[in-house]
Amino acid sequence: MANRISRITSYVEKRKLGFGVARLIMMSGVNVRSISPNDPDPPDALRRLEQALPQLLSAQELKELQELLSEA
């Protein structure tokens, strides 16, 4: 199963396309493209990524993402 960072990146890419992922990288300082889905989530990177999400996603999108993450 993919780690949280990969699942978050996949969701952002589906909703906001490549530009959204680029914004997420810039806002969080985490190069999400370099983290393999099979790698464990680096705790600091995951924290920074989660802090950036409210600036990028709407409240509805955040809710959908949380539901998606809780399913796995």
C-alpha atoms as a PDB file:
ATOM      1  CA  MET A   1       0.000   0.000   0.000  1.00  0.00           C
ATOM      2  CA  ALA A   2       1.202   3.509  -0.779  1.00  0.00           C
ATOM      3  CA  ASN A   3       2.366   5.788   2.007  1.00  0.00           C
ATOM      4  CA  ARG A   4       0.357   8.874   3.043  1.00  0.00           C
ATOM      5  CA  ILE A   5       2.562  11.293   1.120  1.00  0.00           C
ATOM      6  CA  SER A   6       2.045   9.383  -2.123  1.00  0.00           C
ATOM      7  CA  ARG A   7      -1.707   9.199  -1.575  1.00  0.00           C
ATOM      8  CA  ILE A   8      -1.881  12.928  -0.807  1.00  0.00           C
ATOM      9  CA  THR A   9       0.194  13.699  -3.904  1.00  0.00           C
ATOM     10  CA  SER A  10      -2.046  11.514  -6.052  1.00  0.00           C
ATOM     11  CA  TYR A  11      -5.174  13.242  -4.746  1.00  0.00           C
ATOM     12  CA  VAL A  12      -3.739  16.728  -5.346  1.00  0.00           C
ATOM     13  CA  GLU A  13      -2.654  15.736  -8.853  1.00  0.00           C
ATOM     14  CA  LYS A  14      -6.147  14.476  -9.698  1.00  0.00           C
ATOM     15  CA  ARG A  15      -7.807  17.632  -8.351  1.00  0.00           C
ATOM     16  CA  LYS A  16      -5.278  20.338  -9.188  1.00  0.00           C
ATOM     17  CA  LEU A  17      -3.142  18.687 -11.890  1.00  0.00           C
ATOM     18  CA  GLY A  18       0.624  19.062 -12.051  1.00  0.00           C
ATOM     19  CA  PHE A  19       0.447  22.747 -11.168  1.00  0.00           C
ATOM     20  CA  GLY A  20      -1.173  21.864  -7.839  1.00  0.00           C
ATOM     21  CA  VAL A  21       1.582  19.395  -7.046  1.00  0.00           C
ATOM     22  CA  ALA A  22       4.194  22.020  -7.920  1.00  0.00           C
ATOM     23  CA  ARG A  23       2.474  24.486  -5.568  1.00  0.00           C
ATOM     24  CA  LEU A  24       2.361  21.834  -2.847  1.00  0.00           C
ATOM     25  CA  ILE A  25       6.110  21.269  -3.245  1.00  0.00           C
ATOM     26  CA  MET A  26       6.819  25.005  -3.080  1.00  0.00           C
ATOM     27  CA  MET A  27       4.511  25.598  -0.114  1.00  0.00           C
ATOM     28  CA  SER A  28       5.745  22.656   1.951  1.00  0.00           C
ATOM     29  CA  GLY A  29       9.373  22.484   0.874  1.00  0.00           C
ATOM     30  CA  VAL A  30       8.954  18.730   0.373  1.00  0.00           C
ATOM     31  CA  ASN A  31       9.878  17.198  -2.966  1.00  0.00           C
ATOM     32  CA  VAL A  32       6.974  14.743  -3.000  1.00  0.00           C
ATOM     33  CA  ARG A  33       8.065  13.374  -6.371  1.00  0.00           C
ATOM     34  CA  SER A  34      11.235  11.953  -4.826  1.00  0.00           C
ATOM     35  CA  ILE A  35       9.367   9.869  -2.225  1.00  0.00           C
ATOM     36  CA  SER A  36       8.521   6.384  -3.465  1.00  0.00           C
ATOM     37  CA  PRO A  37       5.076   4.982  -2.581  1.00  0.00           C
ATOM     38  CA  ASN A  38       6.797   2.085  -0.809  1.00  0.00           C
ATOM     39  CA  ASP A  39       9.053   4.278   1.351  1.00  0.00           C
ATOM     40  CA  PRO A  40       7.978   5.050   4.910  1.00  0.00           C
ATOM     41  CA  ASP A  41       6.648   8.578   5.408  1.00  0.00           C
ATOM     42  CA  PRO A  42       9.339  10.893   6.764  1.00  0.00           C
ATOM     43  CA  PRO A  43       7.541  12.416   9.803  1.00  0.00           C
ATOM     44  CA  ASP A  44       8.830  15.962   9.308  1.00  0.00           C
ATOM     45  CA  ALA A  45       7.970  15.943   5.598  1.00  0.00           C
ATOM     46  CA  LEU A  46       4.477  14.599   6.276  1.00  0.00           C
ATOM     47  CA  ARG A  47       3.871  17.281   8.916  1.00  0.00           C
ATOM     48  CA  ARG A  48       4.969  20.090   6.572  1.00  0.00           C
ATOM     49  CA  LEU A  49       2.865  18.649   3.760  1.00  0.00           C
ATOM     50  CA  GLU A  50      -0.242  18.451   5.951  1.00  0.00           C
ATOM     51  CA  GLN A  51       0.293  22.048   7.113  1.00  0.00           C
ATOM     52  CA  ALA A  52       0.337  23.272   3.498  1.00  0.00           C
ATOM     53  CA  LEU A  53      -2.836  21.460   2.402  1.00  0.00           C
ATOM     54  CA  PRO A  54      -5.404  23.950   3.801  1.00  0.00           C
ATOM     55  CA  GLN A  55      -3.850  26.680   1.650  1.00  0.00           C
ATOM     56  CA  LEU A  56      -4.180  24.554  -1.472  1.00  0.00           C
ATOM     57  CA  LEU A  57      -7.430  22.598  -1.066  1.00  0.00           C
ATOM     58  CA  SER A  58     -10.970  23.691  -0.312  1.00  0.00           C
ATOM     59  CA  ALA A  59     -12.737  22.534   2.847  1.00  0.00           C
ATOM     60  CA  GLN A  60     -14.673  19.946   0.812  1.00  0.00           C
ATOM     61  CA  GLU A  61     -11.490  18.653  -0.811  1.00  0.00           C
ATOM     62  CA  LEU A  62      -9.788  18.393   2.582  1.00  0.00           C
ATOM     63  CA  LYS A  63     -12.732  16.374   3.867  1.00  0.00           C
ATOM     64  CA  GLU A  64     -12.591  14.049   0.847  1.00  0.00           C
ATOM     65  CA  LEU A  65      -8.856  13.616   1.302  1.00  0.00           C
ATOM     66  CA  GLN A  66      -9.252  12.770   4.993  1.00  0.00           C
ATOM     67  CA  GLU A  67     -11.880  10.159   4.106  1.00  0.00           C
ATOM     68  CA  LEU A  68      -9.591   8.690   1.465  1.00  0.00           C
ATOM     69  CA  LEU A  69      -6.671   8.517   3.897  1.00  0.00           C
ATOM     70  CA  SER A  70      -8.755   6.945   6.651  1.00  0.00           C
ATOM     71  CA  GLU A  71      -9.971   4.142   4.330  1.00  0.00           C
ATOM     72  CA  ALA A  72      -6.512   2.655   3.996  1.00  0.00           C
END
